[in-house]
Amino acid sequence: MQVTVLVPGVLRSDVGGQSRLRVEVEDGAPLGTVLDRIATNHPRLDRRLRDEHKTIRRYVNLYVDGEECRRLAGSDTVLQRGAELQIIPSVAGG
């Protein structure tokens, strides 16, 4: 099945300028599998999303079909066919 990953402008340099990534995974794959595929093809983006233990960084929010993944099952969230993953990095400032 295919999952669409929406990449915000601030992270597009890590994926060759693309605003959307199409990631192929098996039916019923968890979010962690999508992130592993991203790591294979776009390691710079992966380092921005996850730490060395493959834990989603606290300042990155990942939404699966409009639901924040931490409110679901985190990296174990099972994705449906045609799922959309939106990456939203936190913005800080003063």
PDB file of N, CA and C in Angstrom:
ATOM      1  N   MET A   1       0.846  -1.172   0.000  1.00  0.00           N
ATOM      2  CA  MET A   1       0.000   0.000   0.000  1.00  0.00           C
ATOM      3  C   MET A   1       0.888   1.231   0.000  1.00  0.00           C
ATOM      4  N   GLN A   2       0.317   2.326  -0.379  1.00  0.00           N
ATOM      5  CA  GLN A   2       1.081   3.569  -0.468  1.00  0.00           C
ATOM      6  C   GLN A   2       0.612   4.553   0.601  1.00  0.00           C
ATOM      7  N   VAL A   3       1.596   5.182   1.258  1.00  0.00           N
ATOM      8  CA  VAL A   3       1.338   6.223   2.250  1.00  0.00           C
ATOM      9  C   VAL A   3       1.934   7.517   1.707  1.00  0.00           C
ATOM     10  N   THR A   4       1.197   8.598   1.837  1.00  0.00           N
ATOM     11  CA  THR A   4       1.682   9.904   1.414  1.00  0.00           C
ATOM     12  C   THR A   4       2.216  10.653   2.630  1.00  0.00           C
ATOM     13  N   VAL A   5       3.436  11.144   2.515  1.00  0.00           N
ATOM     14  CA  VAL A   5       4.062  11.904   3.593  1.00  0.00           C
ATOM     15  C   VAL A   5       4.167  13.354   3.132  1.00  0.00           C
ATOM     16  N   LEU A   6       3.537  14.257   3.873  1.00  0.00           N
ATOM     17  CA  LEU A   6       3.585  15.684   3.558  1.00  0.00           C
ATOM     18  C   LEU A   6       4.758  16.298   4.302  1.00  0.00           C
ATOM     19  N   VAL A   7       5.673  16.890   3.540  1.00  0.00           N
ATOM     20  CA  VAL A   7       6.909  17.445   4.099  1.00  0.00           C
ATOM     21  C   VAL A   7       6.798  18.965   4.146  1.00  0.00           C
ATOM     22  N   PRO A   8       6.953  19.559   5.340  1.00  0.00           N
ATOM     23  CA  PRO A   8       6.879  21.020   5.426  1.00  0.00           C
ATOM     24  C   PRO A   8       8.087  21.682   4.774  1.00  0.00           C
ATOM     25  N   GLY A   9       7.937  22.932   4.397  1.00  0.00           N
ATOM     26  CA  GLY A   9       8.990  23.664   3.697  1.00  0.00           C
ATOM     27  C   GLY A   9      10.330  23.631   4.406  1.00  0.00           C
ATOM     28  N   VAL A  10      10.329  23.735   5.721  1.00  0.00           N
ATOM     29  CA  VAL A  10      11.575  23.787   6.478  1.00  0.00           C
ATOM     30  C   VAL A  10      12.380  22.484   6.381  1.00  0.00           C
ATOM     31  N   LEU A  11      11.740  21.382   6.023  1.00  0.00           N
ATOM     32  CA  LEU A  11      12.430  20.087   5.934  1.00  0.00           C
ATOM     33  C   LEU A  11      12.641  19.609   4.497  1.00  0.00           C
ATOM     34  N   ARG A  12      12.184  20.359   3.531  1.00  0.00           N
ATOM     35  CA  ARG A  12      12.262  19.901   2.139  1.00  0.00           C
ATOM     36  C   ARG A  12      13.687  19.779   1.613  1.00  0.00           C
ATOM     37  N   SER A  13      14.604  20.544   2.166  1.00  0.00           N
ATOM     38  CA  SER A  13      15.997  20.408   1.715  1.00  0.00           C
ATOM     39  C   SER A  13      16.554  19.027   2.063  1.00  0.00           C
ATOM     40  N   ASP A  14      15.946  18.351   3.033  1.00  0.00           N
ATOM     41  CA  ASP A  14      16.382  17.011   3.421  1.00  0.00           C
ATOM     42  C   ASP A  14      15.835  15.917   2.499  1.00  0.00           C
ATOM     43  N   VAL A  15      14.923  16.298   1.608  1.00  0.00           N
ATOM     44  CA  VAL A  15      14.322  15.322   0.683  1.00  0.00           C
ATOM     45  C   VAL A  15      14.382  15.810  -0.757  1.00  0.00           C
ATOM     46  N   GLY A  16      15.408  16.582  -1.072  1.00  0.00           N
ATOM     47  CA  GLY A  16      15.586  17.052  -2.448  1.00  0.00           C
ATOM     48  C   GLY A  16      14.533  18.032  -2.904  1.00  0.00           C
ATOM     49  N   GLY A  17      13.927  18.770  -1.975  1.00  0.00           N
ATOM     50  CA  GLY A  17      12.952  19.786  -2.340  1.00  0.00           C
ATOM     51  C   GLY A  17      11.529  19.292  -2.503  1.00  0.00           C
ATOM     52  N   GLN A  18      11.291  18.017  -2.287  1.00  0.00           N
ATOM     53  CA  GLN A  18       9.953  17.456  -2.486  1.00  0.00           C
ATOM     54  C   GLN A  18       8.998  17.894  -1.381  1.00  0.00           C
ATOM     55  N   SER A  19       7.753  18.139  -1.743  1.00  0.00           N
ATOM     56  CA  SER A  19       6.740  18.483  -0.744  1.00  0.00           C
ATOM     57  C   SER A  19       5.946  17.261  -0.312  1.00  0.00           C
ATOM     58  N   ARG A  20       6.000  16.210  -1.113  1.00  0.00           N
ATOM     59  CA  ARG A  20       5.295  14.956  -0.809  1.00  0.00           C
ATOM     60  C   ARG A  20       6.219  13.782  -1.118  1.00  0.00           C
ATOM     61  N   LEU A  21       6.167  12.805  -0.243  1.00  0.00           N
ATOM     62  CA  LEU A  21       6.869  11.547  -0.490  1.00  0.00           C
ATOM     63  C   LEU A  21       5.820  10.450  -0.589  1.00  0.00           C
ATOM     64  N   ARG A  22       6.025   9.532  -1.480  1.00  0.00           N
ATOM     65  CA  ARG A  22       5.158   8.350  -1.581  1.00  0.00           C
ATOM     66  C   ARG A  22       5.973   7.181  -1.038  1.00  0.00           C
ATOM     67  N   VAL A  23       5.463   6.544   0.003  1.00  0.00           N
ATOM     68  CA  VAL A  23       6.183   5.459   0.658  1.00  0.00           C
ATOM     69  C   VAL A  23       5.360   4.190   0.536  1.00  0.00           C
ATOM     70  N   GLU A  24       5.981   3.156  -0.016  1.00  0.00           N
ATOM     71  CA  GLU A  24       5.325   1.855  -0.167  1.00  0.00           C
ATOM     72  C   GLU A  24       5.620   0.991   1.049  1.00  0.00           C
ATOM     73  N   VAL A  25       4.558   0.463   1.667  1.00  0.00           N
ATOM     74  CA  VAL A  25       4.679  -0.458   2.791  1.00  0.00           C
ATOM     75  C   VAL A  25       3.629  -1.553   2.632  1.00  0.00           C
ATOM     76  N   GLU A  26       3.737  -2.592   3.437  1.00  0.00           N
ATOM     77  CA  GLU A  26       2.775  -3.673   3.413  1.00  0.00           C
ATOM     78  C   GLU A  26       1.454  -3.214   4.023  1.00  0.00           C
ATOM     79  N   ASP A  27       0.352  -3.845   3.631  1.00  0.00           N
ATOM     80  CA  ASP A  27      -0.949  -3.519   4.218  1.00  0.00           C
ATOM     81  C   ASP A  27      -0.883  -3.675   5.728  1.00  0.00           C
ATOM     82  N   GLY A  28      -1.452  -2.717   6.446  1.00  0.00           N
ATOM     83  CA  GLY A  28      -1.499  -2.779   7.897  1.00  0.00           C
ATOM     84  C   GLY A  28      -0.182  -2.489   8.584  1.00  0.00           C
ATOM     85  N   ALA A  29       0.762  -1.909   7.869  1.00  0.00           N
ATOM     86  CA  ALA A  29       2.075  -1.592   8.451  1.00  0.00           C
ATOM     87  C   ALA A  29       1.926  -0.491   9.495  1.00  0.00           C
ATOM     88  N   PRO A  30       2.765  -0.534  10.531  1.00  0.00           N
ATOM     89  CA  PRO A  30       2.744   0.544  11.517  1.00  0.00           C
ATOM     90  C   PRO A  30       3.528   1.761  11.033  1.00  0.00           C
ATOM     91  N   LEU A  31       3.297   2.870  11.684  1.00  0.00           N
ATOM     92  CA  LEU A  31       3.995   4.112  11.382  1.00  0.00           C
ATOM     93  C   LEU A  31       5.508   3.921  11.412  1.00  0.00           C
ATOM     94  N   GLY A  32       6.005   3.137  12.350  1.00  0.00           N
ATOM     95  CA  GLY A  32       7.443   2.898  12.456  1.00  0.00           C
ATOM     96  C   GLY A  32       8.043   2.341  11.177  1.00  0.00           C
ATOM     97  N   THR A  33       7.293   1.516  10.468  1.00  0.00           N
ATOM     98  CA  THR A  33       7.774   0.960   9.200  1.00  0.00           C
ATOM     99  C   THR A  33       7.913   2.054   8.153  1.00  0.00           C
ATOM    100  N   VAL A  34       6.966   2.976   8.119  1.00  0.00           N
ATOM    101  CA  VAL A  34       7.062   4.108   7.191  1.00  0.00           C
ATOM    102  C   VAL A  34       8.301   4.931   7.525  1.00  0.00           C
ATOM    103  N   LEU A  35       8.527   5.183   8.808  1.00  0.00           N
ATOM    104  CA  LEU A  35       9.691   5.947   9.219  1.00  0.00           C
ATOM    105  C   LEU A  35      10.988   5.210   8.876  1.00  0.00           C
ATOM    106  N   ASP A  36      10.984   3.888   8.978  1.00  0.00           N
ATOM    107  CA  ASP A  36      12.167   3.104   8.586  1.00  0.00           C
ATOM    108  C   ASP A  36      12.440   3.248   7.091  1.00  0.00           C
ATOM    109  N   ARG A  37      11.404   3.261   6.274  1.00  0.00           N
ATOM    110  CA  ARG A  37      11.574   3.433   4.823  1.00  0.00           C
ATOM    111  C   ARG A  37      12.102   4.830   4.514  1.00  0.00           C
ATOM    112  N   ILE A  38      11.589   5.818   5.236  1.00  0.00           N
ATOM    113  CA  ILE A  38      12.098   7.178   5.062  1.00  0.00           C
ATOM    114  C   ILE A  38      13.576   7.216   5.420  1.00  0.00           C
ATOM    115  N   ALA A  39      13.956   6.524   6.494  1.00  0.00           N
ATOM    116  CA  ALA A  39      15.360   6.495   6.926  1.00  0.00           C
ATOM    117  C   ALA A  39      16.259   5.909   5.845  1.00  0.00           C
ATOM    118  N   THR A  40      15.776   4.909   5.150  1.00  0.00           N
ATOM    119  CA  THR A  40      16.557   4.278   4.087  1.00  0.00           C
ATOM    120  C   THR A  40      16.785   5.232   2.918  1.00  0.00           C
ATOM    121  N   ASN A  41      15.732   5.933   2.517  1.00  0.00           N
ATOM    122  CA  ASN A  41      15.807   6.788   1.332  1.00  0.00           C
ATOM    123  C   ASN A  41      16.208   8.233   1.625  1.00  0.00           C
ATOM    124  N   HIS A  42      15.946   8.687   2.858  1.00  0.00           N
ATOM    125  CA  HIS A  42      16.211  10.079   3.224  1.00  0.00           C
ATOM    126  C   HIS A  42      16.757  10.142   4.649  1.00  0.00           C
ATOM    127  N   PRO A  43      17.977   9.669   4.857  1.00  0.00           N
ATOM    128  CA  PRO A  43      18.527   9.609   6.223  1.00  0.00           C
ATOM    129  C   PRO A  43      18.604  10.959   6.926  1.00  0.00           C
ATOM    130  N   ARG A  44      18.824  12.036   6.190  1.00  0.00           N
ATOM    131  CA  ARG A  44      18.856  13.358   6.831  1.00  0.00           C
ATOM    132  C   ARG A  44      17.500  13.706   7.441  1.00  0.00           C
ATOM    133  N   LEU A  45      16.426  13.393   6.731  1.00  0.00           N
ATOM    134  CA  LEU A  45      15.093  13.643   7.271  1.00  0.00           C
ATOM    135  C   LEU A  45      14.852  12.772   8.494  1.00  0.00           C
ATOM    136  N   ASP A  46      15.246  11.522   8.420  1.00  0.00           N
ATOM    137  CA  ASP A  46      15.053  10.624   9.563  1.00  0.00           C
ATOM    138  C   ASP A  46      15.730  11.175  10.815  1.00  0.00           C
ATOM    139  N   ARG A  47      16.936  11.695  10.678  1.00  0.00           N
ATOM    140  CA  ARG A  47      17.637  12.252  11.841  1.00  0.00           C
ATOM    141  C   ARG A  47      16.912  13.456  12.422  1.00  0.00           C
ATOM    142  N   ARG A  48      16.138  14.133  11.619  1.00  0.00           N
ATOM    143  CA  ARG A  48      15.350  15.265  12.113  1.00  0.00           C
ATOM    144  C   ARG A  48      14.073  14.796  12.815  1.00  0.00           C
ATOM    145  N   LEU A  49      13.589  13.603  12.441  1.00  0.00           N
ATOM    146  CA  LEU A  49      12.338  13.083  12.990  1.00  0.00           C
ATOM    147  C   LEU A  49      12.522  12.179  14.205  1.00  0.00           C
ATOM    148  N   ARG A  50      13.604  11.382  14.196  1.00  0.00           N
ATOM    149  CA  ARG A  50      13.799  10.386  15.264  1.00  0.00           C
ATOM    150  C   ARG A  50      15.208  10.473  15.833  1.00  0.00           C
ATOM    151  N   ASP A  51      15.335  10.046  17.084  1.00  0.00           N
ATOM    152  CA  ASP A  51      16.661  10.027  17.708  1.00  0.00           C
ATOM    153  C   ASP A  51      17.360   8.698  17.397  1.00  0.00           C
ATOM    154  N   GLU A  52      18.522   8.475  18.001  1.00  0.00           N
ATOM    155  CA  GLU A  52      19.317   7.268  17.731  1.00  0.00           C
ATOM    156  C   GLU A  52      18.646   5.980  18.203  1.00  0.00           C
ATOM    157  N   HIS A  53      17.608   6.105  19.036  1.00  0.00           N
ATOM    158  CA  HIS A  53      16.857   4.932  19.506  1.00  0.00           C
ATOM    159  C   HIS A  53      15.585   4.719  18.691  1.00  0.00           C
ATOM    160  N   LYS A  54      15.448   5.469  17.604  1.00  0.00           N
ATOM    161  CA  LYS A  54      14.278   5.425  16.720  1.00  0.00           C
ATOM    162  C   LYS A  54      13.010   5.911  17.412  1.00  0.00           C
ATOM    163  N   THR A  55      13.172   6.770  18.406  1.00  0.00           N
ATOM    164  CA  THR A  55      12.043   7.378  19.091  1.00  0.00           C
ATOM    165  C   THR A  55      11.751   8.716  18.421  1.00  0.00           C
ATOM    166  N   ILE A  56      10.478   8.993  18.187  1.00  0.00           N
ATOM    167  CA  ILE A  56      10.097  10.269  17.568  1.00  0.00           C
ATOM    168  C   ILE A  56      10.521  11.398  18.497  1.00  0.00           C
ATOM    169  N   ARG A  57      11.228  12.349  17.930  1.00  0.00           N
ATOM    170  CA  ARG A  57      11.709  13.481  18.731  1.00  0.00           C
ATOM    171  C   ARG A  57      10.525  14.264  19.303  1.00  0.00           C
ATOM    172  N   ARG A  58      10.692  14.753  20.519  1.00  0.00           N
ATOM    173  CA  ARG A  58       9.574  15.402  21.212  1.00  0.00           C
ATOM    174  C   ARG A  58       9.118  16.692  20.543  1.00  0.00           C
ATOM    175  N   TYR A  59       9.992  17.337  19.786  1.00  0.00           N
ATOM    176  CA  TYR A  59       9.604  18.586  19.139  1.00  0.00           C
ATOM    177  C   TYR A  59       9.063  18.389  17.725  1.00  0.00           C
ATOM    178  N   VAL A  60       8.826  17.145  17.347  1.00  0.00           N
ATOM    179  CA  VAL A  60       8.245  16.833  16.039  1.00  0.00           C
ATOM    180  C   VAL A  60       6.877  16.201  16.269  1.00  0.00           C
ATOM    181  N   ASN A  61       5.896  16.699  15.570  1.00  0.00           N
ATOM    182  CA  ASN A  61       4.557  16.117  15.649  1.00  0.00           C
ATOM    183  C   ASN A  61       4.244  15.440  14.323  1.00  0.00           C
ATOM    184  N   LEU A  62       3.799  14.211  14.410  1.00  0.00           N
ATOM    185  CA  LEU A  62       3.423  13.447  13.228  1.00  0.00           C
ATOM    186  C   LEU A  62       1.932  13.149  13.313  1.00  0.00           C
ATOM    187  N   TYR A  63       1.206  13.571  12.288  1.00  0.00           N
ATOM    188  CA  TYR A  63      -0.237  13.369  12.241  1.00  0.00           C
ATOM    189  C   TYR A  63      -0.557  12.301  11.201  1.00  0.00           C
ATOM    190  N   VAL A  64      -1.295  11.297  11.627  1.00  0.00           N
ATOM    191  CA  VAL A  64      -1.747  10.231  10.737  1.00  0.00           C
ATOM    192  C   VAL A  64      -3.222  10.479  10.457  1.00  0.00           C
ATOM    193  N   ASP A  65      -3.518  10.821   9.227  1.00  0.00           N
ATOM    194  CA  ASP A  65      -4.896  11.135   8.830  1.00  0.00           C
ATOM    195  C   ASP A  65      -5.545  12.128   9.795  1.00  0.00           C
ATOM    196  N   GLY A  66      -4.780  13.157  10.180  1.00  0.00           N
ATOM    197  CA  GLY A  66      -5.311  14.220  11.015  1.00  0.00           C
ATOM    198  C   GLY A  66      -5.241  13.983  12.513  1.00  0.00           C
ATOM    199  N   GLU A  67      -4.772  12.812  12.949  1.00  0.00           N
ATOM    200  CA  GLU A  67      -4.670  12.494  14.377  1.00  0.00           C
ATOM    201  C   GLU A  67      -3.202  12.471  14.785  1.00  0.00           C
ATOM    202  N   GLU A  68      -2.871  13.174  15.862  1.00  0.00           N
ATOM    203  CA  GLU A  68      -1.488  13.189  16.340  1.00  0.00           C
ATOM    204  C   GLU A  68      -1.119  11.779  16.793  1.00  0.00           C
ATOM    205  N   CYS A  69      -0.010  11.247  16.287  1.00  0.00           N
ATOM    206  CA  CYS A  69       0.321   9.842  16.504  1.00  0.00           C
ATOM    207  C   CYS A  69       0.537   9.507  17.982  1.00  0.00           C
ATOM    208  N   ARG A  70       0.978  10.451  18.784  1.00  0.00           N
ATOM    209  CA  ARG A  70       1.191  10.172  20.210  1.00  0.00           C
ATOM    210  C   ARG A  70      -0.139   9.907  20.930  1.00  0.00           C
ATOM    211  N   ARG A  71      -1.212  10.429  20.397  1.00  0.00           N
ATOM    212  CA  ARG A  71      -2.535  10.175  20.974  1.00  0.00           C
ATOM    213  C   ARG A  71      -3.099   8.841  20.498  1.00  0.00           C
ATOM    214  N   LEU A  72      -2.463   8.291  19.505  1.00  0.00           N
ATOM    215  CA  LEU A  72      -2.852   6.971  19.005  1.00  0.00           C
ATOM    216  C   LEU A  72      -1.906   5.958  19.648  1.00  0.00           C
ATOM    217  N   ALA A  73      -1.084   5.312  18.866  1.00  0.00           N
ATOM    218  CA  ALA A  73      -0.148   4.315  19.405  1.00  0.00           C
ATOM    219  C   ALA A  73       1.298   4.657  19.066  1.00  0.00           C
ATOM    220  N   GLY A  74       1.568   5.943  18.786  1.00  0.00           N
ATOM    221  CA  GLY A  74       2.932   6.346  18.459  1.00  0.00           C
ATOM    222  C   GLY A  74       3.435   5.638  17.214  1.00  0.00           C
ATOM    223  N   SER A  75       4.646   5.133  17.282  1.00  0.00           N
ATOM    224  CA  SER A  75       5.247   4.436  16.137  1.00  0.00           C
ATOM    225  C   SER A  75       4.539   3.128  15.806  1.00  0.00           C
ATOM    226  N   ASP A  76       3.736   2.629  16.740  1.00  0.00           N
ATOM    227  CA  ASP A  76       2.988   1.384  16.512  1.00  0.00           C
ATOM    228  C   ASP A  76       1.625   1.617  15.883  1.00  0.00           C
ATOM    229  N   THR A  77       1.286   2.859  15.592  1.00  0.00           N
ATOM    230  CA  THR A  77       0.003   3.178  14.967  1.00  0.00           C
ATOM    231  C   THR A  77      -0.107   2.468  13.626  1.00  0.00           C
ATOM    232  N   VAL A  78      -1.136   1.669  13.471  1.00  0.00           N
ATOM    233  CA  VAL A  78      -1.354   0.927  12.227  1.00  0.00           C
ATOM    234  C   VAL A  78      -1.964   1.869  11.191  1.00  0.00           C
ATOM    235  N   LEU A  79      -1.387   1.849  10.003  1.00  0.00           N
ATOM    236  CA  LEU A  79      -1.843   2.732   8.932  1.00  0.00           C
ATOM    237  C   LEU A  79      -2.783   2.004   7.988  1.00  0.00           C
ATOM    238  N   GLN A  80      -3.738   2.750   7.483  1.00  0.00           N
ATOM    239  CA  GLN A  80      -4.683   2.217   6.512  1.00  0.00           C
ATOM    240  C   GLN A  80      -4.216   2.556   5.099  1.00  0.00           C
ATOM    241  N   ARG A  81      -4.695   1.818   4.140  1.00  0.00           N
ATOM    242  CA  ARG A  81      -4.371   2.082   2.735  1.00  0.00           C
ATOM    243  C   ARG A  81      -4.704   3.540   2.405  1.00  0.00           C
ATOM    244  N   GLY A  82      -3.758   4.234   1.769  1.00  0.00           N
ATOM    245  CA  GLY A  82      -3.960   5.620   1.376  1.00  0.00           C
ATOM    246  C   GLY A  82      -3.760   6.614   2.504  1.00  0.00           C
ATOM    247  N   ALA A  83      -3.188   6.167   3.613  1.00  0.00           N
ATOM    248  CA  ALA A  83      -2.992   7.060   4.764  1.00  0.00           C
ATOM    249  C   ALA A  83      -2.122   8.251   4.373  1.00  0.00           C
ATOM    250  N   GLU A  84      -2.339   9.339   5.109  1.00  0.00           N
ATOM    251  CA  GLU A  84      -1.551  10.545   4.906  1.00  0.00           C
ATOM    252  C   GLU A  84      -0.837  10.879   6.217  1.00  0.00           C
ATOM    253  N   LEU A  85       0.462  11.039   6.127  1.00  0.00           N
ATOM    254  CA  LEU A  85       1.281  11.384   7.283  1.00  0.00           C
ATOM    255  C   LEU A  85       1.765  12.806   7.100  1.00  0.00           C
ATOM    256  N   GLN A  86       1.437  13.658   8.060  1.00  0.00           N
ATOM    257  CA  GLN A  86       1.842  15.058   8.001  1.00  0.00           C
ATOM    258  C   GLN A  86       2.888  15.308   9.073  1.00  0.00           C
ATOM    259  N   ILE A  87       4.016  15.898   8.679  1.00  0.00           N
ATOM    260  CA  ILE A  87       5.102  16.224   9.592  1.00  0.00           C
ATOM    261  C   ILE A  87       4.971  17.697   9.969  1.00  0.00           C
ATOM    262  N   ILE A  88       4.923  17.953  11.285  1.00  0.00           N
ATOM    263  CA  ILE A  88       4.833  19.339  11.748  1.00  0.00           C
ATOM    264  C   ILE A  88       5.885  19.537  12.833  1.00  0.00           C
ATOM    265  N   PRO A  89       7.008  20.177  12.470  1.00  0.00           N
ATOM    266  CA  PRO A  89       8.010  20.474  13.483  1.00  0.00           C
ATOM    267  C   PRO A  89       7.539  21.622  14.369  1.00  0.00           C
ATOM    268  N   SER A  90       7.899  21.571  15.637  1.00  0.00           N
ATOM    269  CA  SER A  90       7.547  22.662  16.547  1.00  0.00           C
ATOM    270  C   SER A  90       8.299  23.918  16.176  1.00  0.00           C
ATOM    271  N   VAL A  91       7.679  25.047  16.429  1.00  0.00           N
ATOM    272  CA  VAL A  91       8.298  26.328  16.162  1.00  0.00           C
ATOM    273  C   VAL A  91       8.487  27.017  17.511  1.00  0.00           C
ATOM    274  N   ALA A  92       9.708  27.450  17.751  1.00  0.00           N
ATOM    275  CA  ALA A  92      10.004  28.140  19.007  1.00  0.00           C
ATOM    276  C   ALA A  92      10.582  29.512  18.677  1.00  0.00           C
ATOM    277  N   GLY A  93      10.411  30.392  19.583  1.00  0.00           N
ATOM    278  CA  GLY A  93      10.950  31.726  19.361  1.00  0.00           C
ATOM    279  C   GLY A  93      10.638  32.615  20.546  1.00  0.00           C
ATOM    280  N   GLY A  94      11.090  33.796  20.436  1.00  0.00           N
ATOM    281  CA  GLY A  94      10.861  34.668  21.579  1.00  0.00           C
ATOM    282  C   GLY A  94      10.473  36.045  21.174  1.00  0.00           C
TER     283      GLY A  94
END
